[in-house]
């Protein structure tokens, strides 16, 4: 029986709300993120975006629209990027 557990690592970015959407787009383009989590200043998760190799364009459009809406409400936030090691 194979052990299918994948090792992951996390990276956090603290940014202002108006830079949120651009940073998320940048992380998606890099292509090595498996999940992006957006947290408010209190550390509460507001949005989790699971990313797969095939997720592009129209599939991510609603998630990016949500990111834009969240960015309008936040002054500062944290982006947690879960990557496959």
N, C-alpha and C. Protein backbone atom coordinates (compact mmCIF):
# COMPACT_ATOMS: atom_id res chain seq x y z
N UNK A 1 0.84 -1.18 0.00
CA UNK A 1 0.00 0.00 0.00
C UNK A 1 0.89 1.25 0.00
N UNK A 2 0.61 2.17 -0.91
CA UNK A 2 1.40 3.39 -1.04
C UNK A 2 0.93 4.46 -0.07
N UNK A 3 1.87 5.26 0.36
CA UNK A 3 1.55 6.41 1.19
C UNK A 3 1.38 7.61 0.26
N UNK A 4 0.15 8.06 0.06
CA UNK A 4 -0.15 9.14 -0.88
C UNK A 4 -0.14 10.53 -0.26
N UNK A 5 0.38 10.65 0.94
CA UNK A 5 0.42 11.97 1.58
C UNK A 5 1.44 12.85 0.86
N UNK A 6 1.00 14.02 0.48
CA UNK A 6 1.88 14.97 -0.18
C UNK A 6 2.38 15.98 0.85
N UNK A 7 3.65 16.29 0.75
CA UNK A 7 4.20 17.30 1.65
C UNK A 7 3.87 18.67 1.10
N UNK A 8 3.47 19.54 1.99
CA UNK A 8 3.15 20.91 1.59
C UNK A 8 3.90 21.89 2.47
N UNK A 9 4.05 23.08 1.96
CA UNK A 9 4.64 24.17 2.74
C UNK A 9 3.71 25.37 2.63
N UNK A 10 3.86 26.29 3.55
CA UNK A 10 3.03 27.49 3.55
C UNK A 10 3.90 28.73 3.54
N UNK A 11 3.40 29.73 2.87
CA UNK A 11 4.07 31.03 2.82
C UNK A 11 3.00 32.08 3.07
N UNK A 12 3.32 33.08 3.87
CA UNK A 12 2.34 34.13 4.19
C UNK A 12 2.82 35.48 3.68
N UNK A 13 1.87 36.26 3.17
CA UNK A 13 2.13 37.62 2.71
C UNK A 13 1.16 38.54 3.41
N UNK A 14 1.65 39.57 4.07
CA UNK A 14 0.78 40.59 4.67
C UNK A 14 0.78 41.77 3.71
N UNK A 15 -0.41 42.11 3.22
CA UNK A 15 -0.51 43.19 2.23
C UNK A 15 -1.72 44.05 2.52
N UNK A 16 -1.78 45.19 1.87
CA UNK A 16 -2.95 46.07 2.02
C UNK A 16 -4.04 45.58 1.07
N UNK A 17 -5.27 45.89 1.40
CA UNK A 17 -6.42 45.41 0.65
C UNK A 17 -6.40 45.77 -0.82
N UNK A 18 -5.93 46.98 -1.16
CA UNK A 18 -5.96 47.40 -2.56
C UNK A 18 -4.96 46.63 -3.44
N UNK A 19 -4.00 45.93 -2.83
CA UNK A 19 -3.04 45.13 -3.59
C UNK A 19 -3.41 43.64 -3.63
N UNK A 20 -4.51 43.29 -2.97
CA UNK A 20 -4.89 41.89 -2.82
C UNK A 20 -5.14 41.18 -4.14
N UNK A 21 -5.96 41.74 -4.99
CA UNK A 21 -6.33 41.07 -6.24
C UNK A 21 -5.11 40.84 -7.13
N UNK A 22 -4.25 41.84 -7.25
CA UNK A 22 -3.05 41.69 -8.08
C UNK A 22 -2.12 40.61 -7.54
N UNK A 23 -1.98 40.55 -6.22
CA UNK A 23 -1.10 39.54 -5.61
C UNK A 23 -1.66 38.14 -5.84
N UNK A 24 -2.97 37.98 -5.71
CA UNK A 24 -3.59 36.67 -5.95
C UNK A 24 -3.39 36.25 -7.40
N UNK A 25 -3.59 37.18 -8.34
CA UNK A 25 -3.36 36.87 -9.75
C UNK A 25 -1.91 36.43 -9.99
N UNK A 26 -0.98 37.14 -9.37
CA UNK A 26 0.44 36.82 -9.50
C UNK A 26 0.73 35.40 -8.99
N UNK A 27 0.17 35.06 -7.83
CA UNK A 27 0.39 33.74 -7.24
C UNK A 27 -0.20 32.64 -8.11
N UNK A 28 -1.35 32.90 -8.72
CA UNK A 28 -1.97 31.91 -9.60
C UNK A 28 -1.10 31.70 -10.84
N UNK A 29 -0.57 32.78 -11.39
CA UNK A 29 0.28 32.68 -12.59
C UNK A 29 1.57 31.91 -12.32
N UNK A 30 2.10 32.02 -11.10
CA UNK A 30 3.32 31.28 -10.77
C UNK A 30 3.11 29.78 -10.93
N UNK A 31 1.90 29.32 -10.64
CA UNK A 31 1.55 27.93 -10.92
C UNK A 31 1.93 26.89 -9.90
N UNK A 32 2.61 27.24 -8.82
CA UNK A 32 3.00 26.21 -7.86
C UNK A 32 2.16 26.22 -6.58
N UNK A 33 1.16 27.07 -6.52
CA UNK A 33 0.27 27.12 -5.34
C UNK A 33 -0.82 26.07 -5.49
N UNK A 34 -1.16 25.42 -4.41
CA UNK A 34 -2.25 24.44 -4.39
C UNK A 34 -3.52 25.02 -3.77
N UNK A 35 -3.34 26.01 -2.90
CA UNK A 35 -4.48 26.65 -2.24
C UNK A 35 -4.05 28.04 -1.81
N UNK A 36 -4.96 28.98 -1.93
CA UNK A 36 -4.72 30.34 -1.46
C UNK A 36 -5.81 30.65 -0.43
N UNK A 37 -5.39 31.11 0.73
CA UNK A 37 -6.31 31.45 1.81
C UNK A 37 -6.15 32.94 2.12
N UNK A 38 -7.26 33.65 2.15
CA UNK A 38 -7.23 35.07 2.48
C UNK A 38 -7.81 35.25 3.88
N UNK A 39 -7.03 35.91 4.73
CA UNK A 39 -7.45 36.12 6.12
C UNK A 39 -7.52 37.61 6.42
N UNK A 40 -8.43 37.96 7.34
CA UNK A 40 -8.53 39.35 7.77
C UNK A 40 -7.46 39.66 8.82
N UNK A 41 -7.48 40.87 9.36
CA UNK A 41 -6.48 41.29 10.33
C UNK A 41 -6.52 40.48 11.62
N UNK A 42 -7.67 39.88 11.92
CA UNK A 42 -7.81 39.05 13.12
C UNK A 42 -7.35 37.62 12.90
N UNK A 43 -6.96 37.28 11.67
CA UNK A 43 -6.51 35.93 11.36
C UNK A 43 -7.64 34.98 10.98
N UNK A 44 -8.83 35.52 10.80
CA UNK A 44 -9.98 34.69 10.41
C UNK A 44 -9.98 34.49 8.89
N UNK A 45 -10.19 33.24 8.47
CA UNK A 45 -10.23 32.95 7.04
C UNK A 45 -11.50 33.52 6.43
N UNK A 46 -11.32 34.28 5.34
CA UNK A 46 -12.46 34.86 4.63
C UNK A 46 -12.76 34.11 3.34
N UNK A 47 -11.72 33.58 2.71
CA UNK A 47 -11.89 32.91 1.43
C UNK A 47 -10.76 31.92 1.23
N UNK A 48 -11.10 30.71 0.78
CA UNK A 48 -10.11 29.71 0.42
C UNK A 48 -10.33 29.36 -1.04
N UNK A 49 -9.25 29.44 -1.81
CA UNK A 49 -9.34 29.14 -3.24
C UNK A 49 -8.47 27.91 -3.51
N UNK A 50 -9.10 26.75 -3.74
CA UNK A 50 -8.30 25.57 -4.11
C UNK A 50 -7.89 25.69 -5.57
N UNK A 51 -6.63 25.43 -5.85
CA UNK A 51 -6.12 25.54 -7.21
C UNK A 51 -5.67 24.16 -7.69
N UNK A 52 -6.04 23.86 -8.91
CA UNK A 52 -5.59 22.63 -9.54
C UNK A 52 -4.88 22.98 -10.83
N UNK A 53 -4.17 22.03 -11.38
CA UNK A 53 -3.42 22.29 -12.61
C UNK A 53 -4.35 22.73 -13.73
N UNK A 54 -5.56 22.18 -13.79
CA UNK A 54 -6.48 22.51 -14.87
C UNK A 54 -7.34 23.74 -14.64
N UNK A 55 -7.23 24.35 -13.47
CA UNK A 55 -8.08 25.50 -13.16
C UNK A 55 -7.51 26.78 -13.77
N UNK A 56 -8.16 27.25 -14.82
CA UNK A 56 -7.74 28.48 -15.48
C UNK A 56 -8.95 29.25 -15.96
N UNK A 57 -8.72 30.49 -16.32
CA UNK A 57 -9.73 31.31 -17.00
C UNK A 57 -11.08 31.37 -16.34
N UNK A 58 -12.08 30.84 -17.04
CA UNK A 58 -13.47 30.95 -16.60
C UNK A 58 -13.71 30.30 -15.25
N UNK A 59 -12.94 29.28 -14.93
CA UNK A 59 -13.11 28.59 -13.64
C UNK A 59 -12.69 29.51 -12.50
N UNK A 60 -11.62 30.29 -12.69
CA UNK A 60 -11.12 31.16 -11.63
C UNK A 60 -11.78 32.52 -11.59
N UNK A 61 -12.52 32.88 -12.63
CA UNK A 61 -13.14 34.20 -12.69
C UNK A 61 -14.03 34.50 -11.48
N UNK A 62 -14.92 33.59 -11.06
CA UNK A 62 -15.73 33.90 -9.87
C UNK A 62 -14.88 34.08 -8.60
N UNK A 63 -13.83 33.30 -8.47
CA UNK A 63 -12.95 33.43 -7.30
C UNK A 63 -12.26 34.78 -7.31
N UNK A 64 -11.81 35.23 -8.47
CA UNK A 64 -11.15 36.53 -8.55
C UNK A 64 -12.14 37.67 -8.31
N UNK A 65 -13.39 37.49 -8.71
CA UNK A 65 -14.42 38.50 -8.42
C UNK A 65 -14.64 38.60 -6.92
N UNK A 66 -14.63 37.45 -6.24
CA UNK A 66 -14.79 37.44 -4.78
C UNK A 66 -13.59 38.12 -4.12
N UNK A 67 -12.40 37.86 -4.65
CA UNK A 67 -11.20 38.50 -4.11
C UNK A 67 -11.32 40.02 -4.24
N UNK A 68 -11.81 40.49 -5.37
CA UNK A 68 -11.99 41.93 -5.58
C UNK A 68 -12.97 42.53 -4.59
N UNK A 69 -14.04 41.82 -4.31
CA UNK A 69 -15.04 42.30 -3.34
C UNK A 69 -14.45 42.35 -1.94
N UNK A 70 -13.70 41.34 -1.57
CA UNK A 70 -13.07 41.31 -0.25
C UNK A 70 -12.05 42.44 -0.12
N UNK A 71 -11.29 42.65 -1.19
CA UNK A 71 -10.26 43.70 -1.17
C UNK A 71 -10.87 45.07 -0.90
N UNK A 72 -12.08 45.29 -1.41
CA UNK A 72 -12.73 46.59 -1.21
C UNK A 72 -13.10 46.81 0.26
N UNK A 73 -13.24 45.74 1.01
CA UNK A 73 -13.67 45.85 2.41
C UNK A 73 -12.51 45.85 3.41
N UNK A 74 -11.33 45.43 2.99
CA UNK A 74 -10.22 45.27 3.91
C UNK A 74 -9.18 46.38 3.76
N UNK A 75 -8.58 46.76 4.87
CA UNK A 75 -7.44 47.65 4.80
C UNK A 75 -6.16 46.84 4.74
N UNK A 76 -6.07 45.83 5.57
CA UNK A 76 -4.91 44.94 5.58
C UNK A 76 -5.38 43.50 5.66
N UNK A 77 -4.61 42.60 5.07
CA UNK A 77 -4.98 41.20 5.10
C UNK A 77 -3.73 40.34 4.97
N UNK A 78 -3.92 39.05 5.14
CA UNK A 78 -2.84 38.09 4.99
C UNK A 78 -3.25 37.08 3.94
N UNK A 79 -2.33 36.77 3.04
CA UNK A 79 -2.55 35.71 2.07
C UNK A 79 -1.66 34.55 2.48
N UNK A 80 -2.28 33.39 2.68
CA UNK A 80 -1.53 32.18 2.98
C UNK A 80 -1.52 31.34 1.72
N UNK A 81 -0.34 30.98 1.26
CA UNK A 81 -0.20 30.18 0.05
C UNK A 81 0.30 28.80 0.46
N UNK A 82 -0.49 27.78 0.14
CA UNK A 82 -0.10 26.40 0.41
C UNK A 82 0.48 25.85 -0.88
N UNK A 83 1.73 25.38 -0.80
CA UNK A 83 2.43 24.87 -1.97
C UNK A 83 2.80 23.41 -1.77
N UNK A 84 2.84 22.69 -2.86
CA UNK A 84 3.31 21.31 -2.82
C UNK A 84 4.83 21.34 -2.74
N UNK A 85 5.37 20.62 -1.78
CA UNK A 85 6.84 20.60 -1.61
C UNK A 85 7.48 19.60 -2.54
